[in-house]
Amino acid sequence: MNGTSPGTTDGISGTLMGVLVLVVLVIVAVLWGKLKDYGRAKAEQHLFARRDHRDGQQLVAEELHFTLASDPGRIRDVVLSSVRLAPQCPAVLADAYVLEATDSEVVVAYGSALSRRNFTASLRLSPAGAGDTSDTRRVDAVWGIRTWTLSDGVTDGVSVMRRLREDVEAALRGLDPGLHRTVRSRR
């Protein structure tokens, strides 16, 4: 006998032991779910969507800088008329559409009213060499992805990002075939 009153046991009671086992099982289940999600994301990034993962990282990390002979209003009009864009946010199926257009910037988004906005991109326009030595006949245009979303660690809308980038460059080359193009990493 253990020197306690009759009917008591040594150690942890059965109810407390049951609660502890339940807590441990919940913790193990949560950790298992997180591990599966992590494994799925890594498999998506490195096996199933390898190209989109690589291209998506590159597209969001780079900006295209153009210097061309034109005025900002004309650039805006040509980009809006020649880049394949929906006139407004689509209701159901995601597509690229104009979010905002001014003389100094054209902002494009990809998504729909029913789903989320997957990314936004912009073409910023300013006089070349902005400052004391600015050339009013030349314009600096900068194309870049501003915001983006990820699914399983892979950038959403990579093919549309690629298409928009190509369409914007083609539109600008149509205005000035001798434009100067530079690719820069974001800081």
C-alpha atoms as a PDB file:
ATOM      1  CA  MET A   1       0.000   0.000   0.000  1.00  0.00           C
ATOM      2  CA  ASN A   2       1.152   3.531  -0.632  1.00  0.00           C
ATOM      3  CA  GLY A   3       0.071   5.168   2.609  1.00  0.00           C
ATOM      4  CA  THR A   4      -2.853   7.109   1.126  1.00  0.00           C
ATOM      5  CA  SER A   5      -6.516   6.637   1.727  1.00  0.00           C
ATOM      6  CA  PRO A   6      -8.199   3.598   0.220  1.00  0.00           C
ATOM      7  CA  GLY A   7      -9.458   3.939  -3.371  1.00  0.00           C
ATOM      8  CA  THR A   8      -6.810   6.426  -4.621  1.00  0.00           C
ATOM      9  CA  THR A   9      -4.066   5.556  -7.079  1.00  0.00           C
ATOM     10  CA  ASP A  10      -0.528   6.726  -7.518  1.00  0.00           C
ATOM     11  CA  GLY A  11       0.282   9.169 -10.349  1.00  0.00           C
ATOM     12  CA  ILE A  12      -2.057  10.848 -12.864  1.00  0.00           C
ATOM     13  CA  SER A  13      -5.794  10.238 -12.766  1.00  0.00           C
ATOM     14  CA  GLY A  14      -7.491   8.564 -15.738  1.00  0.00           C
ATOM     15  CA  THR A  15      -9.378  11.725 -16.756  1.00  0.00           C
ATOM     16  CA  LEU A  16      -6.241  13.855 -16.763  1.00  0.00           C
ATOM     17  CA  MET A  17      -4.387  11.168 -18.726  1.00  0.00           C
ATOM     18  CA  GLY A  18      -7.183  11.108 -21.309  1.00  0.00           C
ATOM     19  CA  VAL A  19      -7.051  14.901 -21.719  1.00  0.00           C
ATOM     20  CA  LEU A  20      -3.261  14.822 -22.143  1.00  0.00           C
ATOM     21  CA  VAL A  21      -3.490  12.078 -24.773  1.00  0.00           C
ATOM     22  CA  LEU A  22      -6.156  14.071 -26.633  1.00  0.00           C
ATOM     23  CA  VAL A  23      -4.004  17.243 -26.571  1.00  0.00           C
ATOM     24  CA  VAL A  24      -0.987  15.307 -27.868  1.00  0.00           C
ATOM     25  CA  LEU A  25      -3.088  13.801 -30.688  1.00  0.00           C
ATOM     26  CA  VAL A  26      -4.382  17.251 -31.716  1.00  0.00           C
ATOM     27  CA  ILE A  27      -0.845  18.664 -31.761  1.00  0.00           C
ATOM     28  CA  VAL A  28       0.400  15.734 -33.853  1.00  0.00           C
ATOM     29  CA  ALA A  29      -2.530  16.146 -36.293  1.00  0.00           C
ATOM     30  CA  VAL A  30      -1.863  19.894 -36.710  1.00  0.00           C
ATOM     31  CA  LEU A  31       1.862  19.315 -37.255  1.00  0.00           C
ATOM     32  CA  TRP A  32       1.112  16.537 -39.751  1.00  0.00           C
ATOM     33  CA  GLY A  33      -1.209  18.874 -41.709  1.00  0.00           C
ATOM     34  CA  LYS A  34       1.429  21.624 -41.777  1.00  0.00           C
ATOM     35  CA  LEU A  35       4.073  19.148 -42.917  1.00  0.00           C
ATOM     36  CA  LYS A  36       1.818  17.913 -45.740  1.00  0.00           C
ATOM     37  CA  ASP A  37       1.094  21.510 -46.848  1.00  0.00           C
ATOM     38  CA  TYR A  38       4.806  22.325 -46.827  1.00  0.00           C
ATOM     39  CA  GLY A  39       5.606  19.172 -48.822  1.00  0.00           C
ATOM     40  CA  ARG A  40       2.838  19.936 -51.343  1.00  0.00           C
ATOM     41  CA  ALA A  41       4.110  23.507 -51.804  1.00  0.00           C
ATOM     42  CA  LYS A  42       7.702  22.360 -52.303  1.00  0.00           C
ATOM     43  CA  ALA A  43       6.621  19.661 -54.765  1.00  0.00           C
ATOM     44  CA  GLU A  44       4.586  22.260 -56.658  1.00  0.00           C
ATOM     45  CA  GLN A  45       7.555  24.651 -56.770  1.00  0.00           C
ATOM     46  CA  HIS A  46      10.242  22.156 -57.723  1.00  0.00           C
ATOM     47  CA  LEU A  47       8.437  19.373 -59.597  1.00  0.00           C
ATOM     48  CA  PHE A  48       5.032  20.186 -61.023  1.00  0.00           C
ATOM     49  CA  ALA A  49       5.230  23.944 -61.709  1.00  0.00           C
ATOM     50  CA  ARG A  50       8.982  24.355 -61.875  1.00  0.00           C
ATOM     51  CA  ARG A  51       8.986  26.716 -64.875  1.00  0.00           C
ATOM     52  CA  ASP A  52       6.164  28.898 -63.534  1.00  0.00           C
ATOM     53  CA  HIS A  53       7.899  29.101 -60.149  1.00  0.00           C
ATOM     54  CA  ARG A  54      11.197  30.182 -61.707  1.00  0.00           C
ATOM     55  CA  ASP A  55       9.586  32.572 -64.208  1.00  0.00           C
ATOM     56  CA  GLY A  56       7.257  34.029 -61.580  1.00  0.00           C
ATOM     57  CA  GLN A  57      10.151  34.851 -59.273  1.00  0.00           C
ATOM     58  CA  GLN A  58      11.980  36.493 -62.161  1.00  0.00           C
ATOM     59  CA  LEU A  59       8.961  38.462 -63.417  1.00  0.00           C
ATOM     60  CA  VAL A  60       8.195  39.983 -60.010  1.00  0.00           C
ATOM     61  CA  ALA A  61      11.873  40.750 -59.315  1.00  0.00           C
ATOM     62  CA  GLU A  62      12.560  42.629 -62.561  1.00  0.00           C
ATOM     63  CA  GLU A  63      11.517  45.950 -64.026  1.00  0.00           C
ATOM     64  CA  LEU A  64      11.780  46.807 -67.714  1.00  0.00           C
ATOM     65  CA  HIS A  65      13.091  50.331 -68.323  1.00  0.00           C
ATOM     66  CA  PHE A  66      12.484  51.880 -71.737  1.00  0.00           C
ATOM     67  CA  THR A  67      13.593  55.234 -73.114  1.00  0.00           C
ATOM     68  CA  LEU A  68      11.732  56.263 -76.240  1.00  0.00           C
ATOM     69  CA  ALA A  69      10.845  59.270 -78.369  1.00  0.00           C
ATOM     70  CA  SER A  70       7.177  60.059 -77.785  1.00  0.00           C
ATOM     71  CA  ASP A  71       4.924  61.935 -75.396  1.00  0.00           C
ATOM     72  CA  PRO A  72       3.284  60.282 -72.348  1.00  0.00           C
ATOM     73  CA  GLY A  73      -0.289  60.751 -73.606  1.00  0.00           C
ATOM     74  CA  ARG A  74       0.498  59.029 -76.891  1.00  0.00           C
ATOM     75  CA  ILE A  75       2.279  56.171 -75.079  1.00  0.00           C
ATOM     76  CA  ARG A  76      -0.740  55.677 -72.807  1.00  0.00           C
ATOM     77  CA  ASP A  77      -3.147  55.643 -75.763  1.00  0.00           C
ATOM     78  CA  VAL A  78      -1.047  53.165 -77.772  1.00  0.00           C
ATOM     79  CA  VAL A  79      -0.586  50.827 -74.804  1.00  0.00           C
ATOM     80  CA  LEU A  80      -4.299  50.873 -73.981  1.00  0.00           C
ATOM     81  CA  SER A  81      -5.280  50.210 -77.607  1.00  0.00           C
ATOM     82  CA  SER A  82      -2.730  47.524 -78.479  1.00  0.00           C
ATOM     83  CA  VAL A  83      -2.233  45.510 -75.262  1.00  0.00           C
ATOM     84  CA  ARG A  84      -4.893  42.799 -74.852  1.00  0.00           C
ATOM     85  CA  LEU A  85      -6.928  44.055 -71.873  1.00  0.00           C
ATOM     86  CA  ALA A  86     -10.544  43.728 -70.781  1.00  0.00           C
ATOM     87  CA  PRO A  87     -12.280  47.138 -70.584  1.00  0.00           C
ATOM     88  CA  GLN A  88     -13.277  46.529 -66.951  1.00  0.00           C
ATOM     89  CA  CYS A  89     -12.951  43.955 -64.180  1.00  0.00           C
ATOM     90  CA  PRO A  90     -14.504  40.703 -65.482  1.00  0.00           C
ATOM     91  CA  ALA A  91     -17.374  39.279 -63.451  1.00  0.00           C
ATOM     92  CA  VAL A  92     -16.444  35.571 -63.433  1.00  0.00           C
ATOM     93  CA  LEU A  93     -13.414  34.506 -65.486  1.00  0.00           C
ATOM     94  CA  ALA A  94     -10.114  36.161 -64.536  1.00  0.00           C
ATOM     95  CA  ASP A  95      -8.552  38.413 -67.154  1.00  0.00           C
ATOM     96  CA  ALA A  96      -6.194  41.396 -67.343  1.00  0.00           C
ATOM     97  CA  TYR A  97      -7.982  44.745 -67.200  1.00  0.00           C
ATOM     98  CA  VAL A  98      -7.195  48.454 -66.782  1.00  0.00           C
ATOM     99  CA  LEU A  99      -7.361  49.509 -63.152  1.00  0.00           C
ATOM    100  CA  GLU A 100      -6.251  53.120 -63.721  1.00  0.00           C
ATOM    101  CA  ALA A 101      -4.828  55.180 -66.588  1.00  0.00           C
ATOM    102  CA  THR A 102      -3.326  58.659 -66.347  1.00  0.00           C
ATOM    103  CA  ASP A 103      -0.703  60.557 -68.354  1.00  0.00           C
ATOM    104  CA  SER A 104       1.959  59.391 -65.895  1.00  0.00           C
ATOM    105  CA  GLU A 105       0.895  55.777 -65.238  1.00  0.00           C
ATOM    106  CA  VAL A 106      -1.144  52.872 -66.568  1.00  0.00           C
ATOM    107  CA  VAL A 107      -2.077  50.309 -63.900  1.00  0.00           C
ATOM    108  CA  VAL A 108      -3.248  46.863 -64.988  1.00  0.00           C
ATOM    109  CA  ALA A 109      -4.731  44.136 -62.760  1.00  0.00           C
ATOM    110  CA  TYR A 110      -5.442  40.446 -63.299  1.00  0.00           C
ATOM    111  CA  GLY A 111      -8.414  38.768 -61.638  1.00  0.00           C
ATOM    112  CA  SER A 112     -12.205  38.934 -61.569  1.00  0.00           C
ATOM    113  CA  ALA A 113     -15.001  40.233 -59.373  1.00  0.00           C
ATOM    114  CA  LEU A 114     -15.756  36.671 -58.247  1.00  0.00           C
ATOM    115  CA  SER A 115     -12.164  35.648 -57.463  1.00  0.00           C
ATOM    116  CA  ARG A 116      -9.247  37.535 -55.987  1.00  0.00           C
ATOM    117  CA  ARG A 117      -6.965  39.989 -57.751  1.00  0.00           C
ATOM    118  CA  ASN A 118      -3.892  37.874 -58.579  1.00  0.00           C
ATOM    119  CA  PHE A 119      -1.526  40.686 -59.481  1.00  0.00           C
ATOM    120  CA  THR A 120      -1.212  44.326 -60.455  1.00  0.00           C
ATOM    121  CA  ALA A 121       1.371  45.789 -62.800  1.00  0.00           C
ATOM    122  CA  SER A 122       2.122  49.300 -63.940  1.00  0.00           C
ATOM    123  CA  LEU A 123       3.761  51.284 -66.692  1.00  0.00           C
ATOM    124  CA  ARG A 124       5.123  54.503 -65.138  1.00  0.00           C
ATOM    125  CA  LEU A 125       5.937  57.359 -67.505  1.00  0.00           C
ATOM    126  CA  SER A 126       8.212  60.340 -66.868  1.00  0.00           C
ATOM    127  CA  PRO A 127      10.349  62.732 -68.934  1.00  0.00           C
ATOM    128  CA  ALA A 128      13.714  61.139 -69.790  1.00  0.00           C
ATOM    129  CA  GLY A 129      16.437  62.147 -67.349  1.00  0.00           C
ATOM    130  CA  ALA A 130      13.902  63.794 -65.027  1.00  0.00           C
ATOM    131  CA  GLY A 131      15.607  66.768 -63.416  1.00  0.00           C
ATOM    132  CA  ASP A 132      17.493  69.763 -64.776  1.00  0.00           C
ATOM    133  CA  THR A 133      18.667  67.932 -67.900  1.00  0.00           C
ATOM    134  CA  SER A 134      15.334  66.357 -68.840  1.00  0.00           C
ATOM    135  CA  ASP A 135      14.704  65.841 -72.544  1.00  0.00           C
ATOM    136  CA  THR A 136      11.072  66.765 -73.253  1.00  0.00           C
ATOM    137  CA  ARG A 137      11.087  64.761 -76.494  1.00  0.00           C
ATOM    138  CA  ARG A 138      12.029  61.493 -74.781  1.00  0.00           C
ATOM    139  CA  VAL A 139      10.155  59.519 -72.117  1.00  0.00           C
ATOM    140  CA  ASP A 140      11.314  56.970 -69.549  1.00  0.00           C
ATOM    141  CA  ALA A 141       8.770  54.153 -69.232  1.00  0.00           C
ATOM    142  CA  VAL A 142       9.103  51.559 -66.460  1.00  0.00           C
ATOM    143  CA  TRP A 143       7.061  48.319 -66.541  1.00  0.00           C
ATOM    144  CA  GLY A 144       6.909  46.188 -63.413  1.00  0.00           C
ATOM    145  CA  ILE A 145       4.732  43.933 -61.283  1.00  0.00           C
ATOM    146  CA  ARG A 146       3.537  45.860 -58.200  1.00  0.00           C
ATOM    147  CA  THR A 147       1.632  43.227 -56.211  1.00  0.00           C
ATOM    148  CA  TRP A 148       1.179  39.480 -56.656  1.00  0.00           C
ATOM    149  CA  THR A 149      -0.225  36.416 -54.931  1.00  0.00           C
ATOM    150  CA  LEU A 150       1.126  32.899 -54.461  1.00  0.00           C
ATOM    151  CA  SER A 151      -0.566  29.507 -54.532  1.00  0.00           C
ATOM    152  CA  ASP A 152       1.501  26.700 -52.993  1.00  0.00           C
ATOM    153  CA  GLY A 153       4.530  28.969 -53.224  1.00  0.00           C
ATOM    154  CA  VAL A 154       4.135  29.564 -56.982  1.00  0.00           C
ATOM    155  CA  THR A 155       3.328  33.027 -58.360  1.00  0.00           C
ATOM    156  CA  ASP A 156      -0.234  33.224 -59.725  1.00  0.00           C
ATOM    157  CA  GLY A 157      -0.867  34.381 -63.301  1.00  0.00           C
ATOM    158  CA  VAL A 158       2.661  33.879 -64.665  1.00  0.00           C
ATOM    159  CA  SER A 159       1.512  33.284 -68.253  1.00  0.00           C
ATOM    160  CA  VAL A 160      -0.545  36.510 -68.190  1.00  0.00           C
ATOM    161  CA  MET A 161       2.390  38.431 -66.663  1.00  0.00           C
ATOM    162  CA  ARG A 162       4.572  37.141 -69.489  1.00  0.00           C
ATOM    163  CA  ARG A 163       1.998  38.064 -72.146  1.00  0.00           C
ATOM    164  CA  LEU A 164       1.452  41.577 -70.779  1.00  0.00           C
ATOM    165  CA  ARG A 165       5.193  42.199 -70.607  1.00  0.00           C
ATOM    166  CA  GLU A 166       5.594  41.135 -74.250  1.00  0.00           C
ATOM    167  CA  ASP A 167       2.538  43.157 -75.367  1.00  0.00           C
ATOM    168  CA  VAL A 168       3.736  46.329 -73.611  1.00  0.00           C
ATOM    169  CA  GLU A 169       7.190  46.028 -75.156  1.00  0.00           C
ATOM    170  CA  ALA A 170       5.693  45.421 -78.625  1.00  0.00           C
ATOM    171  CA  ALA A 171       3.423  48.478 -78.236  1.00  0.00           C
ATOM    172  CA  LEU A 172       6.362  50.675 -77.221  1.00  0.00           C
ATOM    173  CA  ARG A 173       8.519  49.338 -80.077  1.00  0.00           C
ATOM    174  CA  GLY A 174       5.680  50.212 -82.460  1.00  0.00           C
ATOM    175  CA  LEU A 175       5.973  53.823 -81.296  1.00  0.00           C
ATOM    176  CA  ASP A 176       9.774  53.959 -81.417  1.00  0.00           C
ATOM    177  CA  PRO A 177      11.616  51.009 -83.025  1.00  0.00           C
ATOM    178  CA  GLY A 178      14.894  52.457 -81.754  1.00  0.00           C
ATOM    179  CA  LEU A 179      13.896  52.577 -78.116  1.00  0.00           C
ATOM    180  CA  HIS A 180      16.436  51.706 -75.460  1.00  0.00           C
ATOM    181  CA  ARG A 181      15.477  48.771 -73.173  1.00  0.00           C
ATOM    182  CA  THR A 182      17.122  47.794 -69.895  1.00  0.00           C
ATOM    183  CA  VAL A 183      16.150  45.072 -67.417  1.00  0.00           C
ATOM    184  CA  ARG A 184      16.817  45.961 -63.765  1.00  0.00           C
ATOM    185  CA  SER A 185      16.287  44.105 -60.537  1.00  0.00           C
ATOM    186  CA  ARG A 186      14.064  45.699 -57.933  1.00  0.00           C
ATOM    187  CA  ARG A 187      15.838  47.015 -54.908  1.00  0.00           C
END
